[in-house]
Amino acid sequence: MFILLPLCILAQGQDHSEYDLFLNQVEINSTTGLPYNWIPIPLNLTKAEKVVDIKAENWRNDIYNPYRDAVVKFPFQVYFEDSLYKAPILKDMVITSRFGWRRGRAHKGIDIDLITGDEVVSVLDGIVRFSGYNTGHGRTVVVRHFNGLETTYAHLSRYAVKANDTVRKGQLLGKGGVSGNARGSHLHMVVRYKGIAINPEYIFDFGPETRIRSQELWVTRKWTSAYNHSSRQRSKLELLTSEEEALASLEKEKKIYVVKRGDTLTRIANRNGISIRSILVANNIRYNSMLKIGQKLVIEP
């Protein structure tokens, strides 16, 4: 079985002129007259691809996140057939900002330095679910993988794929840039499961070996809440590779509470079923300390 990926069909909302411009700059194969990326290739399905129809649920090409009403039970499992992924850029990865709390808001991805025009590739096999412009992210490609994960590649300058394209690990998705609300050229990469952002460093080792942390990983809220992490430093990794480990972790997992208007220590303690003293000890504050809107407090059971 062979797949021939057409050149003329464009994703909804995509900038046609820039897509055509990109194709004009791709190296052409002298035999077929087609860009190398569109030469027919054999489709050798993996075990996961043969069993899982990743387009069966919440498959929409017109919106960035089709899972807004989905309910996900924690902890959940993510399984990989591979032990390695492909680095999203074709040079050493320099992380400039991590998954975590940044400038008073949640940063739900990881920023990797690049120069406008650098190639951006898919980290795993999958199918392009979204290829178009997104407010904030700019020119964006989202690939859904055969284990249910989706990876987002944002702030691109040009597209190389369209929605519903099948892509292989390491296949070109587009060129890096500074579109959207980017401050300087970089790749903003997001890892999601059914719409829930996961700390990418819990899944992928961004070192030179490009290892997937474990073929089986269990994800708790600790790794999906940016409040639990700092964008300036890598969080201490405690991999959960079984359901038993994940359930045990939930018992002792800390919760982060963000102070809202009108909150008091008494109200926060009652709302979370803990004592005021436990809040004071966990956060090294005094009873008469003034709470600020947006302040983060550790809540320990």
Protein backbone atom coordinates (compact mmCIF):
# COMPACT_ATOMS: atom_id res chain seq x y z
CA MET A 1 0.00 0.00 0.00
CA PHE A 2 1.32 3.41 -0.93
CA ILE A 3 0.28 6.94 -0.03
CA LEU A 4 0.62 9.87 -2.39
CA LEU A 5 0.23 13.11 -0.50
CA PRO A 6 -1.28 15.79 -2.79
CA LEU A 7 0.19 19.25 -3.00
CA CYS A 8 -2.91 21.26 -3.74
CA ILE A 9 -5.29 20.71 -0.83
CA LEU A 10 -4.88 23.18 2.01
CA ALA A 11 -6.09 23.11 5.60
CA GLN A 12 -8.98 25.31 6.54
CA GLY A 13 -7.87 28.76 7.60
CA GLN A 14 -4.35 28.27 6.29
CA ASP A 15 -2.44 31.02 4.50
CA HIS A 16 -2.41 29.68 0.92
CA SER A 17 0.17 32.06 -0.49
CA GLU A 18 2.73 31.19 2.20
CA TYR A 19 2.09 27.46 1.75
CA ASP A 20 2.68 27.78 -2.00
CA LEU A 21 5.79 29.88 -1.37
CA PHE A 22 7.15 27.15 0.90
CA LEU A 23 6.57 24.49 -1.79
CA ASN A 24 8.42 26.59 -4.32
CA GLN A 25 11.50 26.46 -2.11
CA VAL A 26 11.49 22.69 -1.53
CA GLU A 27 14.14 20.66 -3.34
CA ILE A 28 12.58 18.84 -6.32
CA ASN A 29 13.29 15.23 -7.17
CA SER A 30 14.63 15.02 -10.71
CA THR A 31 12.88 11.72 -11.47
CA THR A 32 9.34 12.36 -10.23
CA GLY A 33 9.21 16.14 -10.30
CA LEU A 34 7.78 16.05 -6.77
CA PRO A 35 9.25 17.51 -3.58
CA TYR A 36 11.09 14.81 -1.64
CA ASN A 37 8.59 15.06 1.23
CA TRP A 38 5.73 14.14 -1.11
CA ILE A 39 7.29 11.15 -2.86
CA PRO A 40 5.06 8.02 -2.42
CA ILE A 41 6.30 6.04 0.56
CA PRO A 42 5.39 2.54 1.76
CA LEU A 43 2.94 2.58 4.64
CA ASN A 44 4.13 -0.01 7.16
CA LEU A 45 1.55 0.19 9.91
CA THR A 46 2.69 -0.28 13.49
CA LYS A 47 0.74 -2.45 15.91
CA ALA A 48 -0.80 0.66 17.45
CA GLU A 49 -1.90 2.03 14.07
CA LYS A 50 -3.60 -1.23 13.12
CA VAL A 51 -5.64 -1.31 16.32
CA VAL A 52 -6.37 2.33 17.19
CA ASP A 53 -8.49 4.70 15.10
CA ILE A 54 -7.23 8.02 16.42
CA LYS A 55 -9.73 9.94 14.28
CA ALA A 56 -12.74 8.24 15.89
CA GLU A 57 -13.27 10.79 18.67
CA ASN A 58 -13.03 14.59 18.82
CA TRP A 59 -11.42 14.83 15.40
CA ARG A 60 -11.84 18.42 14.23
CA ASN A 61 -9.60 20.32 11.85
CA ASP A 62 -11.11 23.76 12.49
CA ILE A 63 -10.28 24.33 16.17
CA TYR A 64 -7.12 24.03 18.24
CA ASN A 65 -8.60 22.09 21.19
CA PRO A 66 -11.63 19.86 20.44
CA TYR A 67 -11.60 18.36 23.96
CA ARG A 68 -13.01 21.30 25.92
CA ASP A 69 -15.95 19.28 27.25
CA ALA A 70 -14.02 16.03 27.77
CA VAL A 71 -13.78 14.54 31.26
CA VAL A 72 -10.50 12.77 32.02
CA LYS A 73 -10.05 10.62 35.10
CA PHE A 74 -6.74 10.82 36.96
CA PRO A 75 -4.35 9.12 36.98
CA PHE A 76 -4.25 8.13 33.32
CA GLN A 77 -1.81 5.99 31.38
CA VAL A 78 0.28 6.92 28.34
CA TYR A 79 2.00 4.08 26.51
CA PHE A 80 4.77 4.24 23.90
CA GLU A 81 5.93 1.55 21.48
CA ASP A 82 9.18 3.44 20.89
CA SER A 83 11.95 4.19 23.35
CA LEU A 84 13.21 7.20 21.36
CA TYR A 85 11.54 10.23 19.83
CA LYS A 86 12.80 12.60 17.15
CA ALA A 87 13.95 16.02 18.33
CA PRO A 88 11.51 18.65 16.96
CA ILE A 89 14.39 20.76 15.62
CA LEU A 90 17.42 19.49 13.74
CA LYS A 91 20.07 20.88 16.06
CA ASP A 92 20.88 20.91 19.76
CA MET A 93 17.80 21.80 21.78
CA VAL A 94 18.18 24.83 24.04
CA ILE A 95 15.20 25.30 26.34
CA THR A 96 14.44 28.95 27.02
CA SER A 97 11.24 28.53 29.06
CA ARG A 98 9.71 25.48 30.70
CA PHE A 99 6.23 24.23 31.54
CA GLY A 100 5.21 26.13 34.65
CA TRP A 101 4.16 29.40 36.25
CA ARG A 102 5.50 32.39 34.30
CA ARG A 103 4.85 36.09 34.76
CA GLY A 104 1.64 35.49 36.69
CA ARG A 105 0.12 32.95 34.31
CA ALA A 106 0.39 29.32 33.31
CA HIS A 107 2.90 28.45 30.58
CA LYS A 108 1.59 25.11 29.34
CA GLY A 109 4.38 24.13 26.99
CA ILE A 110 8.11 24.26 26.53
CA ASP A 111 10.01 26.85 24.46
CA ILE A 112 12.95 25.71 22.34
CA ASP A 113 15.29 28.23 20.77
CA LEU A 114 15.55 28.37 17.00
CA ILE A 115 16.19 30.75 14.11
CA THR A 116 13.36 31.72 11.80
CA GLY A 117 13.43 29.26 8.92
CA ASP A 118 14.78 26.31 10.92
CA GLU A 119 12.99 23.05 10.12
CA VAL A 120 10.44 21.75 12.64
CA VAL A 121 9.62 18.02 12.54
CA SER A 122 7.19 15.62 14.19
CA VAL A 123 8.48 13.92 17.32
CA LEU A 124 6.45 10.74 16.67
CA ASP A 125 4.32 9.09 14.00
CA GLY A 126 0.79 10.41 13.74
CA ILE A 127 -1.83 12.31 11.75
CA VAL A 128 -2.06 16.09 11.43
CA ARG A 129 -5.29 17.16 13.14
CA PHE A 130 -4.86 20.92 12.82
CA SER A 131 -2.76 23.08 10.55
CA GLY A 132 -3.68 26.73 10.65
CA TYR A 133 -3.56 30.01 12.53
CA ASN A 134 -4.36 30.15 16.23
CA THR A 135 -4.61 33.31 18.30
CA GLY A 136 -1.55 33.51 20.52
CA HIS A 137 0.19 30.51 18.97
CA GLY A 138 0.26 31.95 15.47
CA ARG A 139 0.87 29.46 12.67
CA THR A 140 0.36 26.12 14.37
CA VAL A 141 0.47 22.42 13.56
CA VAL A 142 -1.08 19.81 15.88
CA VAL A 143 -0.25 16.12 15.38
CA ARG A 144 -2.30 13.41 17.05
CA HIS A 145 -0.25 10.30 17.78
CA PHE A 146 -1.34 6.68 17.97
CA ASN A 147 -1.17 6.54 21.77
CA GLY A 148 -3.69 9.38 22.15
CA LEU A 149 -1.19 12.17 22.78
CA GLU A 150 -1.23 15.35 20.72
CA THR A 151 1.85 17.51 20.17
CA THR A 152 1.58 21.16 19.19
CA TYR A 153 4.20 23.09 17.21
CA ALA A 154 3.54 26.83 17.45
CA HIS A 155 4.90 30.19 16.22
CA LEU A 156 5.81 28.73 12.82
CA SER A 157 6.66 30.91 9.84
CA ARG A 158 5.49 28.41 7.20
CA TYR A 159 3.55 25.16 6.94
CA ALA A 160 4.75 21.96 5.26
CA VAL A 161 1.69 19.81 6.01
CA LYS A 162 -2.07 20.11 5.98
CA ALA A 163 -4.84 18.65 8.13
CA ASN A 164 -5.36 14.87 7.80
CA ASP A 165 -1.83 14.24 6.47
CA THR A 166 -0.19 11.10 7.88
CA VAL A 167 3.29 11.95 9.15
CA ARG A 168 6.23 9.91 10.31
CA LYS A 169 8.60 10.56 13.17
CA GLY A 170 11.08 13.15 11.95
CA GLN A 171 8.93 14.33 9.03
CA LEU A 172 8.95 18.04 8.23
CA LEU A 173 5.94 19.94 9.59
CA GLY A 174 6.99 23.51 8.82
CA LYS A 175 9.55 26.21 9.42
CA GLY A 176 10.13 27.90 12.78
CA GLY A 177 9.36 31.56 13.26
CA VAL A 178 7.85 34.25 15.43
CA SER A 179 4.15 34.28 14.50
CA GLY A 180 1.45 34.93 17.07
CA ASN A 181 2.39 36.38 20.45
CA ALA A 182 5.97 35.12 20.37
CA ARG A 183 8.76 37.20 21.89
CA GLY A 184 11.59 36.34 19.55
CA SER A 185 11.84 33.28 17.32
CA HIS A 186 11.34 29.96 19.09
CA LEU A 187 9.31 26.77 18.97
CA HIS A 188 6.52 26.54 21.52
CA MET A 189 5.83 22.83 21.93
CA VAL A 190 2.83 21.53 23.87
CA VAL A 191 2.04 17.92 24.82
CA ARG A 192 -1.63 17.16 25.47
CA TYR A 193 -3.80 14.17 26.26
CA LYS A 194 -7.49 14.73 25.49
CA GLY A 195 -6.95 18.46 25.80
CA ILE A 196 -4.99 18.33 29.06
CA ALA A 197 -1.50 19.81 28.85
CA ILE A 198 1.26 17.65 30.36
CA ASN A 199 4.71 18.84 31.37
CA PRO A 200 6.71 17.78 28.26
CA GLU A 201 9.78 17.00 30.38
CA TYR A 202 7.81 14.32 32.22
CA ILE A 203 7.36 12.56 28.87
CA PHE A 204 10.50 13.42 26.89
CA ASP A 205 14.15 13.77 27.83
CA PHE A 206 15.26 16.88 25.92
CA GLY A 207 18.91 15.87 26.07
CA PRO A 208 20.97 14.71 23.07
CA GLU A 209 19.81 11.08 23.39
CA THR A 210 16.13 12.05 22.78
CA ARG A 211 14.81 9.33 25.06
CA ILE A 212 11.18 8.76 25.94
CA ARG A 213 11.24 8.60 29.74
CA SER A 214 9.46 5.24 29.91
CA GLN A 215 7.33 3.12 27.62
CA GLU A 216 4.59 3.22 30.26
CA LEU A 217 3.89 6.42 32.17
CA TRP A 218 1.06 7.31 34.52
CA VAL A 219 0.10 10.96 34.74
CA THR A 220 -1.26 12.68 37.84
CA ARG A 221 -2.42 16.28 38.26
CA LYS A 222 1.04 17.18 39.52
CA TRP A 223 2.29 16.92 35.94
CA THR A 224 -0.64 18.73 34.33
CA SER A 225 -0.85 21.78 36.57
CA ALA A 226 1.53 24.60 35.67
CA TYR A 227 1.06 25.98 39.20
CA ASN A 228 3.20 23.10 40.48
CA HIS A 229 6.21 24.05 38.37
CA SER A 230 8.48 26.97 37.55
CA SER A 231 9.18 27.97 33.96
CA ARG A 232 12.74 28.88 35.01
CA GLN A 233 13.97 25.50 36.21
CA ARG A 234 13.34 21.84 35.53
CA SER A 235 11.14 20.13 38.07
CA LYS A 236 12.44 17.14 39.99
CA LEU A 237 11.25 14.09 38.08
CA GLU A 238 9.52 11.21 39.85
CA LEU A 239 8.35 8.88 37.11
CA LEU A 240 5.23 6.82 37.78
CA THR A 241 5.42 3.66 35.69
CA SER A 242 2.54 1.66 37.16
CA GLU A 243 -1.00 2.31 38.31
CA GLU A 244 -0.05 1.30 41.84
CA GLU A 245 2.69 3.94 41.96
CA ALA A 246 0.33 6.56 40.56
CA LEU A 247 -2.41 5.84 43.09
CA ALA A 248 0.11 5.91 45.94
CA SER A 249 1.42 9.23 44.65
CA LEU A 250 -2.06 10.72 44.69
CA GLU A 251 -2.29 10.08 48.42
CA LYS A 252 0.66 12.32 49.19
CA GLU A 253 0.50 14.77 46.30
CA LYS A 254 0.52 18.43 47.18
CA LYS A 255 -2.13 20.73 45.82
CA ILE A 256 -1.58 24.34 44.80
CA TYR A 257 -4.30 26.85 45.64
CA VAL A 258 -4.37 30.27 43.98
CA VAL A 259 -5.72 33.03 46.24
CA LYS A 260 -8.85 34.74 44.91
CA ARG A 261 -10.55 37.99 45.82
CA GLY A 262 -12.20 37.74 49.26
CA ASP A 263 -10.19 34.70 50.40
CA THR A 264 -9.06 34.35 54.01
CA LEU A 265 -7.01 31.65 55.67
CA THR A 266 -10.16 30.36 57.37
CA ARG A 267 -12.10 30.20 54.12
CA ILE A 268 -9.24 28.46 52.28
CA ALA A 269 -8.78 25.95 55.11
CA ASN A 270 -12.50 25.11 55.24
CA ARG A 271 -12.74 24.82 51.46
CA ASN A 272 -9.88 22.31 51.35
CA GLY A 273 -10.72 20.41 54.52
CA ILE A 274 -7.46 21.21 56.32
CA SER A 275 -6.36 23.26 59.32
CA ILE A 276 -5.12 26.83 59.18
CA ARG A 277 -1.94 25.68 60.90
CA SER A 278 -1.15 23.24 58.08
CA ILE A 279 -1.35 26.13 55.59
CA LEU A 280 0.96 28.26 57.73
CA VAL A 281 3.55 25.48 58.11
CA ALA A 282 3.48 24.35 54.47
CA ASN A 283 3.94 27.91 53.20
CA ASN A 284 6.17 29.33 55.96
CA ILE A 285 3.80 32.24 56.63
CA ARG A 286 2.28 33.74 59.78
CA TYR A 287 -1.36 33.93 60.80
CA ASN A 288 -1.41 37.70 60.26
CA SER A 289 0.33 37.52 56.86
CA MET A 290 -1.49 39.47 54.17
CA LEU A 291 -2.77 37.31 51.31
CA LYS A 292 -2.48 38.65 47.78
CA ILE A 293 -4.76 37.86 44.85
CA GLY A 294 -2.92 35.39 42.61
CA GLN A 295 -0.65 34.18 45.43
CA LYS A 296 0.03 30.43 45.33
CA LEU A 297 -0.37 28.39 48.51
CA VAL A 298 0.69 24.78 49.00
CA ILE A 299 -2.16 22.65 50.34
CA GLU A 300 -0.99 19.44 51.99
CA PRO A 301 -3.49 16.76 53.02
